[in-house]
């Protein structure tokens, strides 16, 4: 029976894998490296994610306070759709809602930046650490800290490219109508799928921001559809898992609408519910990042055979095994 990979050696990552093997390797990596990876995520990503969860809790708490119960009436004594619309809009114009929106945007943006950096930095440190030694969060942070400038530059470049793409798409919709958008949207989708290998190339190689950008387009040649399919499958699985963590917020909404339960003005319950969702988002968002990482290793191995060359270079370097008789030892006389 074959021994399961533990993903403690570089050769465990640099392999050619088919579609099913990449999906399996994604979950196998998360389970085998769960404890050290979880510790790194708790140190570096959890604070920003909780900040985003608190912001979402403030924002959605005000929204819940404006949702009428079943059969409920507004102060005028009759239900008005116009009044309901203004009430819902006012829920997002209060100071706590504005503060919540700013905290949510800043928290989740920082959390995703730190999440991708922590996951890819962890893999890079794990590949360079002896197999029998655990990965310490201190070593991961030392490696991540040295590349935060490149990561910020990569994000800025990505935002500029996507902003130009969506600007062209909006301009095409306004000037040429929906017919021209049908021609522009596939090109934008093609670019976005190519950029799914952008950050794996940035973290696994030392070429810089522009080199990683070119590298992602080079590696994906001929494998665009398989990359899209892998991303869609993993994203679907991630979305299904995310629903488990949003259940507490839906329970609050159901209690408000169906059971006429008054949500407290302090928004403590909504903040707690969205904090649970933020924690779940950390775990589930790891899966697409790891899946794209294994797709990167797969494409590099297919084109360049880096892992195969490293394996060939290690031949003859290990100490020769000791040969001995299974029946008699040198200090035994044997049978006469």
Protein backbone atom coordinates (compact mmCIF):
# COMPACT_ATOMS: atom_id res chain seq x y z
CA UNK A 1 0.00 0.00 0.00
CA UNK A 2 1.61 3.33 -1.04
CA UNK A 3 2.52 5.81 1.65
CA UNK A 4 0.58 9.08 1.50
CA UNK A 5 2.55 12.17 0.59
CA UNK A 6 3.23 14.48 3.47
CA UNK A 7 4.42 17.43 1.35
CA UNK A 8 7.60 17.92 3.32
CA UNK A 9 10.00 17.74 0.34
CA UNK A 10 10.27 19.89 -2.75
CA UNK A 11 9.84 16.81 -4.92
CA UNK A 12 6.34 16.32 -3.45
CA UNK A 13 5.27 19.59 -5.08
CA UNK A 14 7.16 19.57 -8.36
CA UNK A 15 5.25 16.82 -10.14
CA UNK A 16 3.06 16.44 -13.18
CA UNK A 17 -0.51 15.83 -12.12
CA UNK A 18 -3.71 15.27 -14.04
CA UNK A 19 -6.95 17.06 -13.19
CA UNK A 20 -8.10 14.69 -10.46
CA UNK A 21 -4.63 14.47 -8.92
CA UNK A 22 -4.48 18.26 -8.57
CA UNK A 23 -7.82 18.35 -6.78
CA UNK A 24 -6.74 15.49 -4.52
CA UNK A 25 -3.34 17.08 -3.83
CA UNK A 26 -5.09 20.30 -2.77
CA UNK A 27 -7.04 18.61 0.00
CA UNK A 28 -4.16 16.29 0.88
CA UNK A 29 -1.81 19.23 1.38
CA UNK A 30 -4.31 21.06 3.61
CA UNK A 31 -4.89 18.00 5.78
CA UNK A 32 -1.24 16.94 6.03
CA UNK A 33 0.03 20.46 6.84
CA UNK A 34 -3.06 21.55 8.76
CA UNK A 35 -1.54 22.34 12.15
CA UNK A 36 1.52 24.41 11.11
CA UNK A 37 -0.44 26.18 8.37
CA UNK A 38 -3.31 26.92 10.77
CA UNK A 39 -0.88 28.41 13.26
CA UNK A 40 0.54 30.74 10.60
CA UNK A 41 -2.94 31.78 9.47
CA UNK A 42 -3.97 32.48 13.06
CA UNK A 43 -0.94 34.72 13.61
CA UNK A 44 -0.93 36.68 10.36
CA UNK A 45 -4.41 36.56 8.78
CA UNK A 46 -6.88 36.16 11.65
CA UNK A 47 -6.64 39.74 13.01
CA UNK A 48 -7.39 41.33 9.64
CA UNK A 49 -10.20 38.85 8.95
CA UNK A 50 -11.80 39.56 12.33
CA UNK A 51 -11.58 43.28 11.60
CA UNK A 52 -13.43 42.68 8.34
CA UNK A 53 -15.98 40.51 10.16
CA UNK A 54 -16.63 43.23 12.73
CA UNK A 55 -17.16 45.75 9.93
CA UNK A 56 -19.58 43.42 8.16
CA UNK A 57 -21.35 42.81 11.46
CA UNK A 58 -21.92 46.55 11.96
CA UNK A 59 -23.12 46.96 8.40
CA UNK A 60 -25.47 43.98 8.36
CA UNK A 61 -26.65 44.66 11.92
CA UNK A 62 -28.11 47.99 10.81
CA UNK A 63 -29.66 46.24 7.84
CA UNK A 64 -31.34 43.69 10.11
CA UNK A 65 -32.69 46.43 12.34
CA UNK A 66 -34.59 47.87 9.36
CA UNK A 67 -36.05 44.58 8.14
CA UNK A 68 -39.74 44.35 9.20
CA UNK A 69 -41.13 41.12 10.56
CA UNK A 70 -43.84 39.12 8.83
CA UNK A 71 -47.05 41.05 9.09
CA UNK A 72 -45.23 43.96 10.71
CA UNK A 73 -46.22 47.54 10.02
CA UNK A 74 -44.32 50.76 9.81
CA UNK A 75 -44.99 53.62 12.22
CA UNK A 76 -47.57 55.11 9.87
CA UNK A 77 -49.81 52.12 10.49
CA UNK A 78 -49.57 50.74 6.98
CA UNK A 79 -46.82 49.14 4.98
CA UNK A 80 -45.44 51.21 2.12
CA UNK A 81 -42.92 50.00 -0.39
CA UNK A 82 -41.54 53.51 -0.74
CA UNK A 83 -41.10 53.84 3.02
CA UNK A 84 -39.51 50.39 3.14
CA UNK A 85 -37.07 51.38 0.42
CA UNK A 86 -36.10 54.59 2.21
CA UNK A 87 -35.76 52.71 5.49
CA UNK A 88 -33.46 50.14 3.98
CA UNK A 89 -31.37 52.85 2.32
CA UNK A 90 -31.09 54.78 5.59
CA UNK A 91 -29.71 51.64 7.23
CA UNK A 92 -26.60 52.01 5.08
CA UNK A 93 -26.23 55.78 5.63
CA UNK A 94 -25.74 55.79 9.39
CA UNK A 95 -22.34 56.47 10.92
CA UNK A 96 -22.01 52.90 12.19
CA UNK A 97 -22.80 51.53 8.73
CA UNK A 98 -20.23 53.76 7.07
CA UNK A 99 -17.68 52.79 9.70
CA UNK A 100 -18.60 49.14 9.22
CA UNK A 101 -18.22 49.37 5.46
CA UNK A 102 -14.77 50.97 5.78
CA UNK A 103 -13.64 48.36 8.33
CA UNK A 104 -14.97 45.52 6.18
CA UNK A 105 -13.24 46.78 3.04
CA UNK A 106 -9.91 47.41 4.79
CA UNK A 107 -10.04 44.21 6.82
CA UNK A 108 -10.91 41.81 4.03
CA UNK A 109 -8.49 43.44 1.59
CA UNK A 110 -5.64 43.14 4.09
CA UNK A 111 -6.77 39.61 5.01
CA UNK A 112 -6.72 38.39 1.42
CA UNK A 113 -3.33 39.98 0.78
CA UNK A 114 -1.92 38.34 3.92
CA UNK A 115 -3.74 35.07 3.20
CA UNK A 116 -2.17 34.53 -0.22
CA UNK A 117 1.21 35.70 1.10
CA UNK A 118 1.04 33.36 4.10
CA UNK A 119 -0.03 30.29 2.11
CA UNK A 120 2.56 30.70 -0.62
CA UNK A 121 5.23 31.81 1.84
CA UNK A 122 4.51 28.75 3.96
CA UNK A 123 4.94 26.44 0.96
CA UNK A 124 8.21 28.12 -0.02
CA UNK A 125 9.58 27.76 3.51
CA UNK A 126 8.32 24.18 3.74
CA UNK A 127 10.17 23.29 0.54
CA UNK A 128 13.43 24.71 1.93
CA UNK A 129 13.08 23.18 5.40
CA UNK A 130 14.38 19.69 6.21
CA UNK A 131 11.54 17.14 6.14
CA UNK A 132 11.91 16.21 9.80
CA UNK A 133 11.71 19.83 11.00
CA UNK A 134 8.38 21.67 11.48
CA UNK A 135 7.75 25.03 9.87
CA UNK A 136 7.82 27.81 12.44
CA UNK A 137 5.61 30.91 11.98
CA UNK A 138 8.68 33.04 12.66
CA UNK A 139 10.42 31.63 9.58
CA UNK A 140 7.32 32.13 7.43
CA UNK A 141 6.93 35.73 8.55
CA UNK A 142 10.62 36.42 7.91
CA UNK A 143 10.20 35.21 4.34
CA UNK A 144 6.87 36.99 3.81
CA UNK A 145 8.10 40.27 5.25
CA UNK A 146 10.95 40.38 2.76
CA UNK A 147 8.53 40.18 -0.15
CA UNK A 148 5.64 42.39 0.97
CA UNK A 149 6.88 45.21 -1.24
CA UNK A 150 6.73 42.98 -4.31
CA UNK A 151 3.29 41.74 -3.31
CA UNK A 152 1.92 45.28 -2.97
CA UNK A 153 3.43 46.16 -6.35
CA UNK A 154 1.87 43.06 -7.89
CA UNK A 155 -1.54 43.98 -6.50
CA UNK A 156 -1.26 47.52 -7.84
CA UNK A 157 -0.35 46.20 -11.28
CA UNK A 158 -3.24 43.76 -11.11
CA UNK A 159 -5.72 46.47 -10.12
CA UNK A 160 -4.55 48.69 -12.96
CA UNK A 161 -4.95 45.91 -15.51
CA UNK A 162 -8.36 44.84 -14.24
CA UNK A 163 -9.47 48.46 -13.95
CA UNK A 164 -8.53 49.11 -17.56
CA UNK A 165 -10.26 45.90 -18.61
CA UNK A 166 -13.53 46.73 -16.88
CA UNK A 167 -13.27 50.31 -18.13
CA UNK A 168 -13.00 49.08 -21.71
CA UNK A 169 -15.90 46.71 -21.09
CA UNK A 170 -18.08 49.52 -19.69
CA UNK A 171 -17.12 51.83 -22.54
CA UNK A 172 -17.96 49.16 -25.08
CA UNK A 173 -21.33 48.64 -23.44
CA UNK A 174 -22.08 52.37 -23.50
CA UNK A 175 -20.89 53.06 -27.06
CA UNK A 176 -21.34 49.89 -29.07
CA UNK A 177 -24.05 48.11 -27.12
CA UNK A 178 -24.24 44.55 -25.82
CA UNK A 179 -23.10 43.05 -29.12
CA UNK A 180 -19.58 44.40 -28.82
CA UNK A 181 -19.37 43.37 -25.15
CA UNK A 182 -19.81 39.75 -26.24
CA UNK A 183 -16.53 40.13 -28.15
CA UNK A 184 -14.65 41.94 -25.37
CA UNK A 185 -15.72 39.81 -22.40
CA UNK A 186 -13.99 36.57 -23.56
CA UNK A 187 -10.69 38.47 -23.88
CA UNK A 188 -11.08 39.83 -20.35
CA UNK A 189 -11.93 36.35 -19.04
CA UNK A 190 -8.87 34.91 -20.78
CA UNK A 191 -6.62 37.48 -19.09
CA UNK A 192 -8.14 36.83 -15.66
CA UNK A 193 -7.59 33.06 -15.94
CA UNK A 194 -3.98 33.61 -17.04
CA UNK A 195 -3.44 35.83 -14.01
CA UNK A 196 -4.53 33.01 -11.69
CA UNK A 197 -0.89 31.82 -11.92
CA UNK A 198 0.47 35.30 -11.26
CA UNK A 199 1.00 35.04 -7.51
CA UNK A 200 2.24 31.41 -7.50
CA UNK A 201 4.91 32.47 -10.01
CA UNK A 202 5.72 35.55 -7.92
CA UNK A 203 6.24 33.55 -4.72
CA UNK A 204 7.85 30.40 -6.09
CA UNK A 205 10.35 32.23 -8.30
CA UNK A 206 12.67 35.18 -7.74
CA UNK A 207 12.11 37.11 -10.95
CA UNK A 208 10.09 40.05 -9.66
CA UNK A 209 6.66 41.48 -10.43
CA UNK A 210 6.97 41.97 -14.20
CA UNK A 211 8.72 38.64 -14.68
CA UNK A 212 5.95 36.83 -12.78
CA UNK A 213 3.36 38.58 -14.94
CA UNK A 214 5.02 37.36 -18.15
CA UNK A 215 5.61 33.95 -16.62
CA UNK A 216 1.92 33.37 -15.91
CA UNK A 217 1.01 33.95 -19.56
CA UNK A 218 3.86 31.75 -20.73
CA UNK A 219 3.00 28.77 -18.54
CA UNK A 220 -0.70 28.71 -19.31
CA UNK A 221 -0.24 28.34 -23.07
CA UNK A 222 -2.18 25.28 -24.18
CA UNK A 223 -3.58 24.71 -20.66
CA UNK A 224 -6.06 27.55 -20.39
CA UNK A 225 -9.16 25.36 -20.33
CA UNK A 226 -7.79 22.95 -17.73
CA UNK A 227 -6.82 25.90 -15.52
CA UNK A 228 -10.30 27.38 -15.85
CA UNK A 229 -11.92 24.03 -15.09
CA UNK A 230 -9.77 23.48 -12.01
CA UNK A 231 -10.52 26.96 -10.71
CA UNK A 232 -14.27 26.56 -11.26
CA UNK A 233 -14.40 23.20 -9.50
CA UNK A 234 -12.43 24.37 -6.47
CA UNK A 235 -14.38 27.64 -6.32
CA UNK A 236 -17.67 25.72 -6.39
CA UNK A 237 -16.51 23.50 -3.52
CA UNK A 238 -15.35 26.58 -1.63
CA UNK A 239 -18.69 28.30 -2.15
CA UNK A 240 -20.61 25.33 -0.83
CA UNK A 241 -18.41 25.19 2.26
CA UNK A 242 -18.85 28.94 2.82
CA UNK A 243 -22.59 28.49 3.23
CA UNK A 244 -21.95 26.53 6.41
CA UNK A 245 -20.33 29.55 8.04
CA UNK A 246 -23.01 32.04 6.94
CA UNK A 247 -25.76 29.97 8.59
CA UNK A 248 -25.61 31.94 11.90
CA UNK A 249 -26.35 35.20 10.08
CA UNK A 250 -29.22 33.60 8.16
CA UNK A 251 -30.54 32.30 11.48
CA UNK A 252 -30.61 35.86 12.84
CA UNK A 253 -32.44 37.05 9.75
CA UNK A 254 -34.97 34.22 10.02
CA UNK A 255 -35.52 34.97 13.71
CA UNK A 256 -36.15 38.61 12.85
CA UNK A 257 -38.49 38.04 9.91
CA UNK A 258 -40.33 34.86 10.91
CA UNK A 259 -40.31 34.95 14.71
CA UNK A 260 -40.56 38.75 15.14
CA UNK A 261 -37.41 38.64 17.27
CA UNK A 262 -35.96 42.04 18.03
CA UNK A 263 -32.28 42.20 17.20
CA UNK A 264 -30.33 44.07 19.87
CA UNK A 265 -29.25 47.60 19.05
CA UNK A 266 -25.63 46.90 19.95
CA UNK A 267 -25.27 44.53 16.98
CA UNK A 268 -23.35 42.06 19.12
CA UNK A 269 -25.05 39.02 17.60
CA UNK A 270 -24.60 40.20 14.02
CA UNK A 271 -20.93 40.98 14.70
CA UNK A 272 -20.46 37.50 16.20
CA UNK A 273 -22.21 35.88 13.22
CA UNK A 274 -20.06 37.72 10.69
CA UNK A 275 -16.92 36.97 12.72
CA UNK A 276 -17.75 33.27 12.37
CA UNK A 277 -18.14 33.81 8.63
CA UNK A 278 -14.76 35.57 8.50
CA UNK A 279 -13.11 32.63 10.27
CA UNK A 280 -14.69 30.20 7.83
CA UNK A 281 -13.63 32.34 4.90
CA UNK A 282 -9.99 31.99 5.97
CA UNK A 283 -10.17 28.19 5.83
CA UNK A 284 -12.11 27.92 2.58
CA UNK A 285 -10.16 30.60 0.68
CA UNK A 286 -7.01 28.52 1.13
CA UNK A 287 -8.30 25.87 -1.29
CA UNK A 288 -8.29 27.94 -4.55
CA UNK A 289 -4.86 29.32 -3.69
CA UNK A 290 -3.41 25.84 -3.16
CA UNK A 291 -5.13 24.47 -6.28
CA UNK A 292 -3.59 27.20 -8.46
CA UNK A 293 -0.24 26.47 -6.83
CA UNK A 294 -0.37 22.82 -7.87
CA UNK A 295 -1.44 23.88 -11.35
CA UNK A 296 1.63 26.12 -11.47
CA UNK A 297 3.93 23.27 -10.41
CA UNK A 298 2.26 20.97 -12.93
CA UNK A 299 2.77 23.38 -15.83
CA UNK A 300 6.37 24.15 -14.84
CA UNK A 301 7.12 20.44 -14.71
CA UNK A 302 5.52 19.81 -18.08
CA UNK A 303 7.45 22.58 -19.78
CA UNK A 304 10.78 22.55 -17.98
CA UNK A 305 11.02 19.37 -15.87
CA UNK A 306 12.53 21.17 -12.88
CA UNK A 307 11.55 18.46 -10.42
CA UNK A 308 12.87 15.70 -12.67
CA UNK A 309 16.25 17.43 -13.02
CA UNK A 310 16.47 17.89 -9.27
CA UNK A 311 15.71 14.20 -8.77
CA UNK A 312 18.42 13.21 -11.26
CA UNK A 313 20.93 15.46 -9.53
CA UNK A 314 20.35 13.67 -6.23
CA UNK A 315 21.21 10.25 -7.66
CA UNK A 316 24.42 8.89 -6.19
CA UNK A 317 24.58 11.51 -3.44
CA UNK A 318 22.96 9.41 -0.73
CA UNK A 319 25.07 7.01 1.30
CA UNK A 320 25.11 3.43 0.05
CA UNK A 321 22.94 1.01 2.01
CA UNK A 322 24.68 -1.50 4.25
CA UNK A 323 24.40 -5.05 2.97
CA UNK A 324 24.21 -7.86 5.48
CA UNK A 325 23.08 -11.46 5.62
CA UNK A 326 19.57 -11.77 6.90
CA UNK A 327 20.33 -15.07 8.60
CA UNK A 328 23.82 -14.58 10.10
CA UNK A 329 25.60 -11.60 11.57
CA UNK A 330 29.39 -11.04 11.53
CA UNK A 331 29.65 -11.90 15.23
CA UNK A 332 27.74 -15.18 14.88
CA UNK A 333 29.43 -18.56 14.27
CA UNK A 334 26.56 -20.00 12.28
CA UNK A 335 25.62 -23.65 12.13
CA UNK A 336 28.15 -26.49 11.66
